[in-house]
Every structure is written in C-alpha cells, then in structure tokens.
PDB file of N, CA and C in Angstrom:
ATOM      1  N   MET A   1      65.254 -22.153-182.994  1.00  0.00           N
ATOM      2  CA  MET A   1      65.447 -23.469-182.459  1.00  0.00           C
ATOM      3  C   MET A   1      64.164 -24.284-182.664  1.00  0.00           C
ATOM      4  N   PRO A   2      64.251 -25.488-183.234  1.00  0.00           N
ATOM      5  CA  PRO A   2      63.048 -26.272-183.488  1.00  0.00           C
ATOM      6  C   PRO A   2      62.406 -26.735-182.175  1.00  0.00           C
ATOM      7  N   PRO A   3      61.084 -26.964-182.212  1.00  0.00           N
ATOM      8  CA  PRO A   3      60.410 -27.424-180.994  1.00  0.00           C
ATOM      9  C   PRO A   3      60.944 -28.796-180.578  1.00  0.00           C
ATOM     10  N   SER A   4      60.914 -29.038-179.278  1.00  0.00           N
ATOM     11  CA  SER A   4      61.425 -30.318-178.789  1.00  0.00           C
ATOM     12  C   SER A   4      60.404 -31.418-179.060  1.00  0.00           C
ATOM     13  N   SER A   5      60.929 -32.584-179.330  1.00  0.00           N
ATOM     14  CA  SER A   5      60.069 -33.739-179.567  1.00  0.00           C
ATOM     15  C   SER A   5      60.047 -34.581-178.304  1.00  0.00           C
ATOM     16  N   PRO A   6      59.058 -35.503-178.176  1.00  0.00           N
ATOM     17  CA  PRO A   6      59.040 -36.380-177.003  1.00  0.00           C
ATOM     18  C   PRO A   6      60.345 -37.149-176.836  1.00  0.00           C
ATOM     19  N   ARG A   7      61.008 -37.466-177.954  1.00  0.00           N
ATOM     20  CA  ARG A   7      62.271 -38.185-177.872  1.00  0.00           C
ATOM     21  C   ARG A   7      63.342 -37.344-177.197  1.00  0.00           C
ATOM     22  N   ASP A   8      63.320 -36.020-177.444  1.00  0.00           N
ATOM     23  CA  ASP A   8      64.287 -35.133-176.804  1.00  0.00           C
ATOM     24  C   ASP A   8      64.078 -35.077-175.297  1.00  0.00           C
ATOM     25  N   GLU A   9      62.841 -35.272-174.836  1.00  0.00           N
ATOM     26  CA  GLU A   9      62.517 -35.184-173.430  1.00  0.00           C
ATOM     27  C   GLU A   9      62.736 -36.504-172.699  1.00  0.00           C
ATOM     28  N   PHE A  10      62.994 -37.579-173.409  1.00  0.00           N
ATOM     29  CA  PHE A  10      63.182 -38.888-172.790  1.00  0.00           C
ATOM     30  C   PHE A  10      64.460 -38.895-171.969  1.00  0.00           C
ATOM     31  N   ASP A  11      64.353 -39.333-170.742  1.00  0.00           N
ATOM     32  CA  ASP A  11      65.511 -39.402-169.858  1.00  0.00           C
ATOM     33  C   ASP A  11      66.134 -40.783-170.021  1.00  0.00           C
ATOM     34  N   HIS A  12      67.236 -40.863-170.726  1.00  0.00           N
ATOM     35  CA  HIS A  12      67.887 -42.140-171.027  1.00  0.00           C
ATOM     36  C   HIS A  12      68.414 -42.841-169.774  1.00  0.00           C
ATOM     37  N   ARG A  13      68.561 -42.104-168.687  1.00  0.00           N
ATOM     38  CA  ARG A  13      68.998 -42.727-167.440  1.00  0.00           C
ATOM     39  C   ARG A  13      67.937 -43.677-166.893  1.00  0.00           C
ATOM     40  N   LEU A  14      66.682 -43.476-167.307  1.00  0.00           N
ATOM     41  CA  LEU A  14      65.612 -44.357-166.839  1.00  0.00           C
ATOM     42  C   LEU A  14      65.840 -45.801-167.280  1.00  0.00           C
ATOM     43  N   VAL A  15      66.461 -45.974-168.415  1.00  0.00           N
ATOM     44  CA  VAL A  15      66.752 -47.334-168.884  1.00  0.00           C
ATOM     45  C   VAL A  15      67.641 -48.030-167.868  1.00  0.00           C
ATOM     46  N   LYS A  16      68.637 -47.333-167.365  1.00  0.00           N
ATOM     47  CA  LYS A  16      69.516 -47.909-166.350  1.00  0.00           C
ATOM     48  C   LYS A  16      68.754 -48.152-165.052  1.00  0.00           C
ATOM     49  N   ALA A  17      67.892 -47.225-164.688  1.00  0.00           N
ATOM     50  CA  ALA A  17      67.123 -47.373-163.452  1.00  0.00           C
ATOM     51  C   ALA A  17      66.227 -48.598-163.491  1.00  0.00           C
ATOM     52  N   LEU A  18      65.740 -48.936-164.661  1.00  0.00           N
ATOM     53  CA  LEU A  18      64.816 -50.067-164.800  1.00  0.00           C
ATOM     54  C   LEU A  18      65.512 -51.325-165.288  1.00  0.00           C
ATOM     55  N   ASP A  19      66.835 -51.327-165.217  1.00  0.00           N
ATOM     56  CA  ASP A  19      67.616 -52.456-165.702  1.00  0.00           C
ATOM     57  C   ASP A  19      67.976 -53.432-164.579  1.00  0.00           C
ATOM     58  N   HIS A  20      67.048 -53.620-163.657  1.00  0.00           N
ATOM     59  CA  HIS A  20      67.267 -54.616-162.608  1.00  0.00           C
ATOM     60  C   HIS A  20      65.918 -55.178-162.179  1.00  0.00           C
ATOM     61  N   PRO A  21      65.812 -56.494-162.044  1.00  0.00           N
ATOM     62  CA  PRO A  21      64.510 -57.099-161.728  1.00  0.00           C
ATOM     63  C   PRO A  21      63.926 -56.669-160.380  1.00  0.00           C
ATOM     64  N   ILE A  22      64.758 -56.385-159.390  1.00  0.00           N
ATOM     65  CA  ILE A  22      64.224 -55.941-158.095  1.00  0.00           C
ATOM     66  C   ILE A  22      63.570 -54.573-158.247  1.00  0.00           C
ATOM     67  N   ARG A  23      64.203 -53.680-159.001  1.00  0.00           N
ATOM     68  CA  ARG A  23      63.642 -52.335-159.178  1.00  0.00           C
ATOM     69  C   ARG A  23      62.338 -52.389-159.957  1.00  0.00           C
ATOM     70  N   VAL A  24      62.307 -53.169-161.012  1.00  0.00           N
ATOM     71  CA  VAL A  24      61.078 -53.285-161.813  1.00  0.00           C
ATOM     72  C   VAL A  24      59.969 -53.909-160.976  1.00  0.00           C
ATOM     73  N   ARG A  25      60.290 -54.980-160.263  1.00  0.00           N
ATOM     74  CA  ARG A  25      59.264 -55.671-159.461  1.00  0.00           C
ATOM     75  C   ARG A  25      58.765 -54.782-158.325  1.00  0.00           C
ATOM     76  N   PHE A  26      59.641 -53.979-157.707  1.00  0.00           N
ATOM     77  CA  PHE A  26      59.195 -53.070-156.656  1.00  0.00           C
ATOM     78  C   PHE A  26      58.206 -52.059-157.230  1.00  0.00           C
ATOM     79  N   LEU A  27      58.498 -51.508-158.392  1.00  0.00           N
ATOM     80  CA  LEU A  27      57.557 -50.578-159.029  1.00  0.00           C
ATOM     81  C   LEU A  27      56.237 -51.275-159.358  1.00  0.00           C
ATOM     82  N   GLU A  28      56.321 -52.507-159.839  1.00  0.00           N
ATOM     83  CA  GLU A  28      55.098 -53.262-160.120  1.00  0.00           C
ATOM     84  C   GLU A  28      54.277 -53.458-158.847  1.00  0.00           C
ATOM     85  N   LEU A  29      54.939 -53.735-157.743  1.00  0.00           N
ATOM     86  CA  LEU A  29      54.229 -53.892-156.470  1.00  0.00           C
ATOM     87  C   LEU A  29      53.558 -52.586-156.051  1.00  0.00           C
ATOM     88  N   LEU A  30      54.189 -51.474-156.353  1.00  0.00           N
ATOM     89  CA  LEU A  30      53.576 -50.187-156.023  1.00  0.00           C
ATOM     90  C   LEU A  30      52.341 -49.908-156.873  1.00  0.00           C
ATOM     91  N   ALA A  31      52.224 -50.578-158.007  1.00  0.00           N
ATOM     92  CA  ALA A  31      51.008 -50.461-158.810  1.00  0.00           C
ATOM     93  C   ALA A  31      49.865 -51.210-158.139  1.00  0.00           C
ATOM     94  N   GLU A  32      50.201 -52.164-157.272  1.00  0.00           N
ATOM     95  CA  GLU A  32      49.194 -52.967-156.566  1.00  0.00           C
ATOM     96  C   GLU A  32      48.916 -52.452-155.156  1.00  0.00           C
ATOM     97  N   HIS A  33      49.826 -51.677-154.586  1.00  0.00           N
ATOM     98  CA  HIS A  33      49.715 -51.174-153.213  1.00  0.00           C
ATOM     99  C   HIS A  33      49.939 -49.664-153.222  1.00  0.00           C
ATOM    100  N   ASP A  34      49.331 -48.977-152.285  1.00  0.00           N
ATOM    101  CA  ASP A  34      49.535 -47.526-152.215  1.00  0.00           C
ATOM    102  C   ASP A  34      50.982 -47.177-151.883  1.00  0.00           C
ATOM    103  N   ALA A  35      51.550 -47.908-150.937  1.00  0.00           N
ATOM    104  CA  ALA A  35      52.932 -47.671-150.522  1.00  0.00           C
ATOM    105  C   ALA A  35      53.458 -48.939-149.872  1.00  0.00           C
ATOM    106  N   LEU A  36      54.760 -49.131-149.971  1.00  0.00           N
ATOM    107  CA  LEU A  36      55.421 -50.293-149.364  1.00  0.00           C
ATOM    108  C   LEU A  36      56.798 -49.895-148.875  1.00  0.00           C
ATOM    109  N   SER A  37      57.182 -50.474-147.761  1.00  0.00           N
ATOM    110  CA  SER A  37      58.561 -50.338-147.310  1.00  0.00           C
ATOM    111  C   SER A  37      59.357 -51.484-147.936  1.00  0.00           C
ATOM    112  N   PRO A  38      60.671 -51.366-147.985  1.00  0.00           N
ATOM    113  CA  PRO A  38      61.463 -52.485-148.489  1.00  0.00           C
ATOM    114  C   PRO A  38      61.186 -53.784-147.723  1.00  0.00           C
ATOM    115  N   ALA A  39      60.989 -53.695-146.392  1.00  0.00           N
ATOM    116  CA  ALA A  39      60.717 -54.896-145.589  1.00  0.00           C
ATOM    117  C   ALA A  39      59.375 -55.526-145.964  1.00  0.00           C
ATOM    118  N   GLU A  40      58.367 -54.692-146.233  1.00  0.00           N
ATOM    119  CA  GLU A  40      57.067 -55.220-146.646  1.00  0.00           C
ATOM    120  C   GLU A  40      57.144 -55.835-148.040  1.00  0.00           C
ATOM    121  N   ALA A  41      57.978 -55.254-148.893  1.00  0.00           N
ATOM    122  CA  ALA A  41      58.088 -55.734-150.272  1.00  0.00           C
ATOM    123  C   ALA A  41      58.878 -57.028-150.390  1.00  0.00           C
ATOM    124  N   LEU A  42      59.824 -57.249-149.485  1.00  0.00           N
ATOM    125  CA  LEU A  42      60.726 -58.404-149.586  1.00  0.00           C
ATOM    126  C   LEU A  42      59.995 -59.719-149.840  1.00  0.00           C
ATOM    127  N   PRO A  43      58.995 -60.124-149.038  1.00  0.00           N
ATOM    128  CA  PRO A  43      58.335 -61.407-149.314  1.00  0.00           C
ATOM    129  C   PRO A  43      57.461 -61.379-150.569  1.00  0.00           C
ATOM    130  N   LEU A  44      57.048 -60.193-150.980  1.00  0.00           N
ATOM    131  CA  LEU A  44      56.187 -60.073-152.162  1.00  0.00           C
ATOM    132  C   LEU A  44      56.981 -60.111-153.471  1.00  0.00           C
ATOM    133  N   LEU A  45      58.262 -59.799-153.396  1.00  0.00           N
ATOM    134  CA  LEU A  45      59.093 -59.758-154.608  1.00  0.00           C
ATOM    135  C   LEU A  45      59.214 -61.125-155.262  1.00  0.00           C
ATOM    136  N   ARG A  46      59.334 -62.142-154.426  1.00  0.00           N
ATOM    137  CA  ARG A  46      59.483 -63.519-154.910  1.00  0.00           C
ATOM    138  C   ARG A  46      60.676 -63.673-155.855  1.00  0.00           C
ATOM    139  N   ILE A  47      61.782 -63.051-155.451  1.00  0.00           N
ATOM    140  CA  ILE A  47      63.039 -63.176-156.185  1.00  0.00           C
ATOM    141  C   ILE A  47      63.989 -63.936-155.269  1.00  0.00           C
ATOM    142  N   PRO A  48      64.423 -65.132-155.666  1.00  0.00           N
ATOM    143  CA  PRO A  48      65.271 -65.959-154.790  1.00  0.00           C
ATOM    144  C   PRO A  48      66.549 -65.244-154.340  1.00  0.00           C
ATOM    145  N   ALA A  49      66.961 -65.551-153.127  1.00  0.00           N
ATOM    146  CA  ALA A  49      68.222 -65.057-152.537  1.00  0.00           C
ATOM    147  C   ALA A  49      68.286 -63.535-152.438  1.00  0.00           C
ATOM    148  N   THR A  50      67.136 -62.910-152.325  1.00  0.00           N
ATOM    149  CA  THR A  50      67.110 -61.459-152.174  1.00  0.00           C
ATOM    150  C   THR A  50      67.060 -61.123-150.693  1.00  0.00           C
ATOM    151  N   THR A  51      67.916 -60.207-150.281  1.00  0.00           N
ATOM    152  CA  THR A  51      67.970 -59.792-148.881  1.00  0.00           C
ATOM    153  C   THR A  51      67.323 -58.421-148.717  1.00  0.00           C
ATOM    154  N   LEU A  52      66.998 -58.090-147.477  1.00  0.00           N
ATOM    155  CA  LEU A  52      66.441 -56.771-147.198  1.00  0.00           C
ATOM    156  C   LEU A  52      67.421 -55.679-147.594  1.00  0.00           C
ATOM    157  N   ALA A  53      68.696 -55.904-147.361  1.00  0.00           N
ATOM    158  CA  ALA A  53      69.710 -54.908-147.739  1.00  0.00           C
ATOM    159  C   ALA A  53      69.705 -54.652-149.247  1.00  0.00           C
ATOM    160  N   ARG A  54      69.562 -55.706-150.043  1.00  0.00           N
ATOM    161  CA  ARG A  54      69.524 -55.538-151.511  1.00  0.00           C
ATOM    162  C   ARG A  54      68.280 -54.778-151.937  1.00  0.00           C
ATOM    163  N   VAL A  55      67.131 -55.130-151.337  1.00  0.00           N
ATOM    164  CA  VAL A  55      65.888 -54.434-151.683  1.00  0.00           C
ATOM    165  C   VAL A  55      66.006 -52.958-151.314  1.00  0.00           C
ATOM    166  N   THR A  56      66.508 -52.686-150.122  1.00  0.00           N
ATOM    167  CA  THR A  56      66.668 -51.297-149.676  1.00  0.00           C
ATOM    168  C   THR A  56      67.587 -50.529-150.622  1.00  0.00           C
ATOM    169  N   TYR A  57      68.684 -51.135-151.026  1.00  0.00           N
ATOM    170  CA  TYR A  57      69.602 -50.490-151.974  1.00  0.00           C
ATOM    171  C   TYR A  57      68.870 -50.123-153.268  1.00  0.00           C
ATOM    172  N   HIS A  58      68.130 -51.076-153.829  1.00  0.00           N
ATOM    173  CA  HIS A  58      67.466 -50.830-155.113  1.00  0.00           C
ATOM    174  C   HIS A  58      66.326 -49.822-154.987  1.00  0.00           C
ATOM    175  N   VAL A  59      65.646 -49.797-153.845  1.00  0.00           N
ATOM    176  CA  VAL A  59      64.620 -48.779-153.625  1.00  0.00           C
ATOM    177  C   VAL A  59      65.271 -47.401-153.571  1.00  0.00           C
ATOM    178  N   HIS A  60      66.442 -47.313-152.965  1.00  0.00           N
ATOM    179  CA  HIS A  60      67.147 -46.028-152.920  1.00  0.00           C
ATOM    180  C   HIS A  60      67.630 -45.606-154.311  1.00  0.00           C
ATOM    181  N   VAL A  61      67.963 -46.556-155.161  1.00  0.00           N
ATOM    182  CA  VAL A  61      68.294 -46.224-156.551  1.00  0.00           C
ATOM    183  C   VAL A  61      67.060 -45.631-157.240  1.00  0.00           C
ATOM    184  N   LEU A  62      65.901 -46.273-157.057  1.00  0.00           N
ATOM    185  CA  LEU A  62      64.657 -45.742-157.634  1.00  0.00           C
ATOM    186  C   LEU A  62      64.376 -44.344-157.094  1.00  0.00           C
ATOM    187  N   HIS A  63      64.631 -44.143-155.809  1.00  0.00           N
ATOM    188  CA  HIS A  63      64.431 -42.836-155.194  1.00  0.00           C
ATOM    189  C   HIS A  63      65.372 -41.800-155.824  1.00  0.00           C
ATOM    190  N   GLY A  64      66.605 -42.192-156.067  1.00  0.00           N
ATOM    191  CA  GLY A  64      67.566 -41.287-156.697  1.00  0.00           C
ATOM    192  C   GLY A  64      67.153 -40.868-158.104  1.00  0.00           C
ATOM    193  N   PHE A  65      66.446 -41.732-158.795  1.00  0.00           N
ATOM    194  CA  PHE A  65      65.951 -41.411-160.136  1.00  0.00           C
ATOM    195  C   PHE A  65      64.568 -40.764-160.085  1.00  0.00           C
ATOM    196  N   GLU A  66      64.092 -40.478-158.869  1.00  0.00           N
ATOM    197  CA  GLU A  66      62.806 -39.823-158.639  1.00  0.00           C
ATOM    198  C   GLU A  66      61.622 -40.649-159.145  1.00  0.00           C
ATOM    199  N   LEU A  67      61.761 -41.973-159.098  1.00  0.00           N
ATOM    200  CA  LEU A  67      60.664 -42.855-159.499  1.00  0.00           C
ATOM    201  C   LEU A  67      59.786 -43.231-158.306  1.00  0.00           C
ATOM    202  N   VAL A  68      60.343 -43.114-157.103  1.00  0.00           N
ATOM    203  CA  VAL A  68      59.581 -43.333-155.872  1.00  0.00           C
ATOM    204  C   VAL A  68      59.915 -42.206-154.905  1.00  0.00           C
ATOM    205  N   GLU A  69      59.010 -42.000-153.935  1.00  0.00           N
ATOM    206  CA  GLU A  69      59.258 -41.012-152.889  1.00  0.00           C
ATOM    207  C   GLU A  69      58.858 -41.608-151.557  1.00  0.00           C
ATOM    208  N   ALA A  70      59.565 -41.180-150.517  1.00  0.00           N
ATOM    209  CA  ALA A  70      59.294 -41.667-149.166  1.00  0.00           C
ATOM    210  C   ALA A  70      58.026 -41.023-148.638  1.00  0.00           C
ATOM    211  N   GLU A  71      57.264 -41.821-147.907  1.00  0.00           N
ATOM    212  CA  GLU A  71      56.081 -41.311-147.234  1.00  0.00           C
ATOM    213  C   GLU A  71      56.427 -40.980-145.801  1.00  0.00           C
ATOM    214  N   GLU A  72      55.700 -40.093-145.228  1.00  0.00           N
ATOM    215  CA  GLU A  72      55.842 -39.772-143.807  1.00  0.00           C
ATOM    216  C   GLU A  72      54.597 -40.263-143.122  1.00  0.00           C
ATOM    217  N   PRO A  73      54.630 -40.653-141.924  1.00  0.00           N
ATOM    218  CA  PRO A  73      55.790 -40.797-141.067  1.00  0.00           C
ATOM    219  C   PRO A  73      56.441 -42.155-141.254  1.00  0.00           C
ATOM    220  N   GLU A  74      57.593 -42.281-140.640  1.00  0.00           N
ATOM    221  CA  GLU A  74      58.308 -43.556-140.632  1.00  0.00           C
ATOM    222  C   GLU A  74      57.469 -44.585-139.870  1.00  0.00           C
ATOM    223  N   MET A  75      57.582 -45.843-140.243  1.00  0.00           N
ATOM    224  CA  MET A  75      56.824 -46.906-139.590  1.00  0.00           C
ATOM    225  C   MET A  75      57.414 -47.189-138.204  1.00  0.00           C
ATOM    226  N   PRO A  76      56.620 -47.773-137.288  1.00  0.00           N
ATOM    227  CA  PRO A  76      57.106 -48.051-135.934  1.00  0.00           C
ATOM    228  C   PRO A  76      58.374 -48.920-135.894  1.00  0.00           C
ATOM    229  N   ASN A  77      58.545 -49.807-136.868  1.00  0.00           N
ATOM    230  CA  ASN A  77      59.728 -50.678-136.877  1.00  0.00           C
ATOM    231  C   ASN A  77      60.932 -50.009-137.514  1.00  0.00           C
ATOM    232  N   GLY A  78      60.814 -48.727-137.849  1.00  0.00           N
ATOM    233  CA  GLY A  78      61.929 -47.999-138.436  1.00  0.00           C
ATOM    234  C   GLY A  78      61.960 -48.023-139.953  1.00  0.00           C
ATOM    235  N   GLY A  79      61.045 -48.776-140.557  1.00  0.00           N
ATOM    236  CA  GLY A  79      60.980 -48.833-142.012  1.00  0.00           C
ATOM    237  C   GLY A  79      60.337 -47.589-142.599  1.00  0.00           C
ATOM    238  N   VAL A  80      60.676 -47.302-143.815  1.00  0.00           N
ATOM    239  CA  VAL A  80      60.115 -46.145-144.512  1.00  0.00           C
ATOM    240  C   VAL A  80      59.318 -46.651-145.703  1.00  0.00           C
ATOM    241  N   PRO A  81      58.017 -46.348-145.749  1.00  0.00           N
ATOM    242  CA  PRO A  81      57.241 -46.733-146.918  1.00  0.00           C
ATOM    243  C   PRO A  81      57.500 -45.774-148.084  1.00  0.00           C
ATOM    244  N   PHE A  82      57.462 -46.317-149.276  1.00  0.00           N
ATOM    245  CA  PHE A  82      57.650 -45.529-150.495  1.00  0.00           C
ATOM    246  C   PHE A  82      56.422 -45.671-151.378  1.00  0.00           C
ATOM    247  N   ARG A  83      56.163 -44.650-152.175  1.00  0.00           N
ATOM    248  CA  ARG A  83      55.093 -44.700-153.169  1.00  0.00           C
ATOM    249  C   ARG A  83      55.677 -44.237-154.501  1.00  0.00           C
ATOM    250  N   ALA A  84      55.031 -44.632-155.577  1.00  0.00           N
ATOM    251  CA  ALA A  84      55.489 -44.230-156.910  1.00  0.00           C
ATOM    252  C   ALA A  84      55.195 -42.750-157.132  1.00  0.00           C
ATOM    253  N   THR A  85      56.121 -42.072-157.782  1.00  0.00           N
ATOM    254  CA  THR A  85      55.908 -40.683-158.185  1.00  0.00           C
ATOM    255  C   THR A  85      55.218 -40.689-159.545  1.00  0.00           C
ATOM    256  N   LEU A  86      54.881 -39.520-160.045  1.00  0.00           N
ATOM    257  CA  LEU A  86      54.309 -39.437-161.390  1.00  0.00           C
ATOM    258  C   LEU A  86      55.291 -39.986-162.420  1.00  0.00           C
ATOM    259  N   LYS A  87      56.559 -39.705-162.218  1.00  0.00           N
ATOM    260  CA  LYS A  87      57.603 -40.229-163.105  1.00  0.00           C
ATOM    261  C   LYS A  87      57.657 -41.757-163.013  1.00  0.00           C
ATOM    262  N   GLY A  88      57.506 -42.289-161.803  1.00  0.00           N
ATOM    263  CA  GLY A  88      57.480 -43.735-161.611  1.00  0.00           C
ATOM    264  C   GLY A  88      56.268 -44.374-162.266  1.00  0.00           C
ATOM    265  N   GLU A  89      55.115 -43.711-162.164  1.00  0.00           N
ATOM    266  CA  GLU A  89      53.906 -44.217-162.814  1.00  0.00           C
ATOM    267  C   GLU A  89      54.065 -44.193-164.332  1.00  0.00           C
ATOM    268  N   ALA A  90      54.740 -43.170-164.854  1.00  0.00           N
ATOM    269  CA  ALA A  90      54.999 -43.107-166.299  1.00  0.00           C
ATOM    270  C   ALA A  90      55.922 -44.241-166.721  1.00  0.00           C
ATOM    271  N   ALA A  91      56.910 -44.546-165.891  1.00  0.00           N
ATOM    272  CA  ALA A  91      57.818 -45.659-166.186  1.00  0.00           C
ATOM    273  C   ALA A  91      57.049 -46.972-166.181  1.00  0.00           C
ATOM    274  N   LEU A  92      56.135 -47.132-165.230  1.00  0.00           N
ATOM    275  CA  LEU A  92      55.294 -48.333-165.192  1.00  0.00           C
ATOM    276  C   LEU A  92      54.443 -48.445-166.449  1.00  0.00           C
ATOM    277  N   ALA A  93      53.867 -47.334-166.859  1.00  0.00           N
ATOM    278  CA  ALA A  93      53.043 -47.342-168.069  1.00  0.00           C
ATOM    279  C   ALA A  93      53.884 -47.724-169.280  1.00  0.00           C
ATOM    280  N   ALA A  94      55.123 -47.243-169.331  1.00  0.00           N
ATOM    281  CA  ALA A  94      56.017 -47.605-170.435  1.00  0.00           C
ATOM    282  C   ALA A  94      56.325 -49.094-170.424  1.00  0.00           C
ATOM    283  N   LEU A  95      56.314 -49.700-169.230  1.00  0.00           N
ATOM    284  CA  LEU A  95      56.535 -51.141-169.104  1.00  0.00           C
ATOM    285  C   LEU A  95      55.246 -51.933-169.340  1.00  0.00           C
ATOM    286  N   GLY A  96      54.139 -51.215-169.516  1.00  0.00           N
ATOM    287  CA  GLY A  96      52.859 -51.881-169.746  1.00  0.00           C
ATOM    288  C   GLY A  96      52.124 -52.256-168.478  1.00  0.00           C
ATOM    289  N   VAL A  97      52.519 -51.674-167.342  1.00  0.00           N
ATOM    290  CA  VAL A  97      51.874 -51.948-166.052  1.00  0.00           C
ATOM    291  C   VAL A  97      51.054 -50.735-165.661  1.00  0.00           C
ATOM    292  N   MET A  98      49.786 -50.951-165.440  1.00  0.00           N
ATOM    293  CA  MET A  98      48.915 -49.855-165.056  1.00  0.00           C
ATOM    294  C   MET A  98      48.651 -49.929-163.554  1.00  0.00           C
ATOM    295  N   PRO A  99      48.672 -48.784-162.872  1.00  0.00           N
ATOM    296  CA  PRO A  99      48.377 -48.790-161.435  1.00  0.00           C
ATOM    297  C   PRO A  99      46.949 -49.251-161.183  1.00  0.00           C
ATOM    298  N   ARG A 100      46.729 -49.867-160.021  1.00  0.00           N
ATOM    299  CA  ARG A 100      45.390 -50.327-159.693  1.00  0.00           C
ATOM    300  C   ARG A 100      44.496 -49.121-159.474  1.00  0.00           C
ATOM    301  N   GLU A 101      43.253 -49.286-159.794  1.00  0.00           N
ATOM    302  CA  GLU A 101      42.307 -48.213-159.538  1.00  0.00           C
ATOM    303  C   GLU A 101      41.638 -48.477-158.210  1.00  0.00           C
ATOM    304  N   ASP A 102      41.480 -47.432-157.421  1.00  0.00           N
ATOM    305  CA  ASP A 102      40.790 -47.594-156.140  1.00  0.00           C
ATOM    306  C   ASP A 102      39.349 -47.963-156.397  1.00  0.00           C
ATOM    307  N   GLU A 103      38.853 -48.924-155.619  1.00  0.00           N
ATOM    308  CA  GLU A 103      37.490 -49.368-155.793  1.00  0.00           C
ATOM    309  C   GLU A 103      36.555 -48.373-155.120  1.00  0.00           C
ATOM    310  N   ALA A 104      35.434 -48.151-155.760  1.00  0.00           N
ATOM    311  CA  ALA A 104      34.427 -47.262-155.178  1.00  0.00           C
ATOM    312  C   ALA A 104      33.730 -47.983-154.030  1.00  0.00           C
ATOM    313  N   ASP A 105      33.407 -47.219-152.959  1.00  0.00           N
ATOM    314  CA  ASP A 105      32.725 -47.830-151.808  1.00  0.00           C
ATOM    315  C   ASP A 105      31.264 -48.047-152.093  1.00  0.00           C
TER     316      ASP A 105
END
C-alpha cells in the first residue's frame, strides 16, 4: 500500500464546517482571545441580525467538528467558554489567520 499523502489526510468535512461566516468569524475571534462564550462573542462578531441562539448553534457545529472545545468551569451566567483546538488552529492557519502570541511580561 503506498504511503498516504497530505491530501489523503485532509478532512473534507472541514470545508462544510467553515462554510458559514459566523463559524469562521468565531474561530477568528478565538485567534484574538484565549476563550470566548457565544454570549461574549455575539457583540464582537459584528454580523447583522445575528442572535445568541444562532451563535450558540454555530459554535456547537464547530464543537462537533472538533475545531473548538469547551473550557471548564462554566461561567456564572451559565455560559460556556470555548477555545480553539489544535485542529481549529490548523483550520485558522489554512484560512491565513494566525493565533495571537502571548506578550512577554
């Protein structure tokens, strides 16, 4: 059996996962912040007519594709912050978005 190429390892479902502006923008926001809940992300998305329910739905889609993971503990208001996974960071890099680097003290 021939060795696998990077193309063989590409998960074509990622194209579908990144085929919505809310999902892409949420990942971009995670490149700027360590973690965000859907409620925290809502005003930062700057996408007209977007509701918290829509943002939450799309974050759960990203979670289903393992591009984000929930952080513990849950926030006092009941929100759950999410952070990008390694797979999510790779997707960001493929989109040309690099995560912010922590500043040295």
